[in-house]
Amino acid sequence: MESVTETCVVPVSSDKVFKFLSEIENLPKWSTQFVKDLIVVNGKHKAVTPIGEVFLRFETNSKAGLIDIYAGPTEQGMTPAYLRVIPFSTTSTGVTFTFFKWDGTDDTVWQIFCKWIKIEVENIKKHFS
């Protein structure tokens, strides 16, 4: 299985980074390539993306710094991407973002995602700079 991971280090506390990244409403602020708009339909979050509308769900663990982002065309067809917030000191935090190429992912779409993840992580870095 293929994967891609991008990382950055930002000059703020891990609590601040986690709070921002774990709030689904902030996704359009840093995931500018994938999320063109965020909407709520019947109490469920959906993103308007260049490849259509997708359902979104976050699973988080603040103590471990884990933010798992599930997205897909149906609630049953969501796949995860993994954000990790890693405290280095009170004023330095690492962020990693990993995508896997799940079965059924089109090669062209995969290549687009590999380009987007670089931009999204750079957006996170810029947000905290």
Protein backbone atom coordinates (compact mmCIF):
# COMPACT_ATOMS: atom_id res chain seq x y z
CA MET A 1 0.00 0.00 0.00
CA GLU A 2 1.33 3.42 -0.92
CA SER A 3 1.39 6.31 1.50
CA VAL A 4 2.49 9.92 1.65
CA THR A 5 3.40 11.90 4.77
CA GLU A 6 4.20 15.58 5.08
CA THR A 7 5.45 17.28 8.23
CA CYS A 8 6.10 20.71 9.64
CA VAL A 9 7.22 22.30 12.89
CA VAL A 10 5.41 25.36 14.19
CA PRO A 11 6.48 27.82 16.93
CA VAL A 12 3.43 27.43 19.21
CA SER A 13 2.19 25.05 21.89
CA SER A 14 0.75 21.69 20.98
CA ASP A 15 -2.47 22.59 22.83
CA LYS A 16 -3.03 25.56 20.53
CA VAL A 17 -2.23 23.50 17.41
CA PHE A 18 -4.46 20.62 18.49
CA LYS A 19 -7.37 22.92 19.38
CA PHE A 20 -7.25 24.55 15.93
CA LEU A 21 -6.75 21.40 13.84
CA SER A 22 -9.27 19.27 15.75
CA GLU A 23 -12.17 21.65 15.11
CA ILE A 24 -13.84 20.52 11.90
CA GLU A 25 -15.06 24.07 11.27
CA ASN A 26 -11.42 25.14 10.78
CA LEU A 27 -10.81 22.63 7.99
CA PRO A 28 -11.46 25.11 5.14
CA LYS A 29 -8.88 27.47 6.70
CA TRP A 30 -5.99 25.07 6.10
CA SER A 31 -7.26 22.36 3.74
CA THR A 32 -7.69 24.83 0.91
CA GLN A 33 -7.09 22.37 -1.93
CA PHE A 34 -9.57 19.73 -0.78
CA VAL A 35 -12.25 21.69 1.08
CA LYS A 36 -13.89 24.42 -0.98
CA ASP A 37 -16.84 24.75 1.43
CA LEU A 38 -18.06 23.05 4.58
CA ILE A 39 -21.77 22.36 5.01
CA VAL A 40 -23.97 20.55 7.52
CA VAL A 41 -26.71 18.29 6.16
CA ASN A 42 -29.04 16.56 8.62
CA GLY A 43 -26.50 17.14 11.39
CA LYS A 44 -23.64 15.60 9.38
CA HIS A 45 -20.63 17.53 8.09
CA LYS A 46 -19.94 17.47 4.38
CA ALA A 47 -17.21 19.09 2.36
CA VAL A 48 -17.64 20.49 -1.10
CA THR A 49 -14.46 19.38 -2.90
CA PRO A 50 -13.09 19.44 -6.44
CA ILE A 51 -14.13 15.77 -6.72
CA GLY A 52 -17.66 16.27 -5.35
CA GLU A 53 -19.34 16.39 -1.96
CA VAL A 54 -17.96 14.07 0.71
CA PHE A 55 -19.03 13.22 4.22
CA LEU A 56 -16.57 14.19 6.96
CA ARG A 57 -16.01 12.94 10.48
CA PHE A 58 -13.19 13.64 12.96
CA GLU A 59 -12.08 11.25 15.69
CA THR A 60 -9.72 12.93 18.13
CA ASN A 61 -7.65 12.19 21.20
CA SER A 62 -6.14 15.35 22.68
CA LYS A 63 -3.88 13.55 25.16
CA ALA A 64 -2.26 11.54 22.37
CA GLY A 65 -2.41 14.35 19.80
CA LEU A 66 -4.41 12.25 17.34
CA ILE A 67 -6.80 13.64 14.75
CA ASP A 68 -8.20 11.05 12.36
CA ILE A 69 -10.09 12.65 9.49
CA TYR A 70 -12.59 10.40 7.74
CA ALA A 71 -13.93 11.43 4.33
CA GLY A 72 -15.90 9.71 1.62
CA PRO A 73 -18.87 9.84 -0.72
CA THR A 74 -21.04 7.91 1.77
CA GLU A 75 -20.91 7.53 5.53
CA GLN A 76 -20.10 3.85 5.05
CA GLY A 77 -17.45 4.60 2.41
CA MET A 78 -15.22 6.97 4.37
CA THR A 79 -11.47 6.39 4.58
CA PRO A 80 -9.11 8.00 7.10
CA ALA A 81 -6.25 10.44 6.84
CA TYR A 82 -4.10 10.87 9.92
CA LEU A 83 -2.96 14.10 11.57
CA ARG A 84 -0.59 13.91 14.51
CA VAL A 85 0.28 16.82 16.82
CA ILE A 86 3.60 16.24 18.58
CA PRO A 87 4.77 18.49 21.45
CA PHE A 88 8.49 19.26 21.37
CA SER A 89 8.45 22.03 23.98
CA THR A 90 6.02 24.62 25.29
CA THR A 91 6.65 26.69 22.15
CA SER A 92 7.43 24.10 19.47
CA THR A 93 5.12 21.52 17.93
CA GLY A 94 5.48 19.00 15.14
CA VAL A 95 2.59 18.13 12.84
CA THR A 96 2.46 15.10 10.58
CA PHE A 97 -0.25 14.39 8.02
CA THR A 98 -0.46 10.97 6.36
CA PHE A 99 -2.58 9.67 3.49
CA PHE A 100 -2.73 6.05 2.37
CA LYS A 101 -3.76 4.91 -1.08
CA TRP A 102 -6.79 2.80 -0.21
CA ASP A 103 -8.13 0.06 -2.50
CA GLY A 104 -10.17 1.59 -5.27
CA THR A 105 -8.35 4.93 -5.25
CA ASP A 106 -7.82 6.03 -8.83
CA ASP A 107 -4.15 6.65 -9.73
CA THR A 108 -4.90 10.13 -11.04
CA VAL A 109 -6.79 11.07 -7.86
CA TRP A 110 -3.93 9.65 -5.78
CA GLN A 111 -1.40 11.85 -7.57
CA ILE A 112 -3.60 14.88 -6.95
CA PHE A 113 -3.86 14.01 -3.24
CA CYS A 114 -0.05 13.67 -3.05
CA LYS A 115 0.30 17.22 -4.38
CA TRP A 116 -2.45 18.61 -2.17
CA ILE A 117 -1.06 17.24 1.10
CA LYS A 118 2.12 19.31 0.61
CA ILE A 119 0.03 22.47 0.19
CA GLU A 120 -2.23 21.67 3.15
CA VAL A 121 0.73 21.14 5.52
CA GLU A 122 2.32 24.35 4.27
CA ASN A 123 -1.00 26.09 5.07
CA ILE A 124 -0.83 24.76 8.62
CA LYS A 125 2.72 26.08 8.95
CA LYS A 126 1.71 29.49 7.60
CA HIS A 127 -1.30 29.68 9.93
CA PHE A 128 0.96 29.39 12.99
CA SER A 129 3.87 31.51 11.72
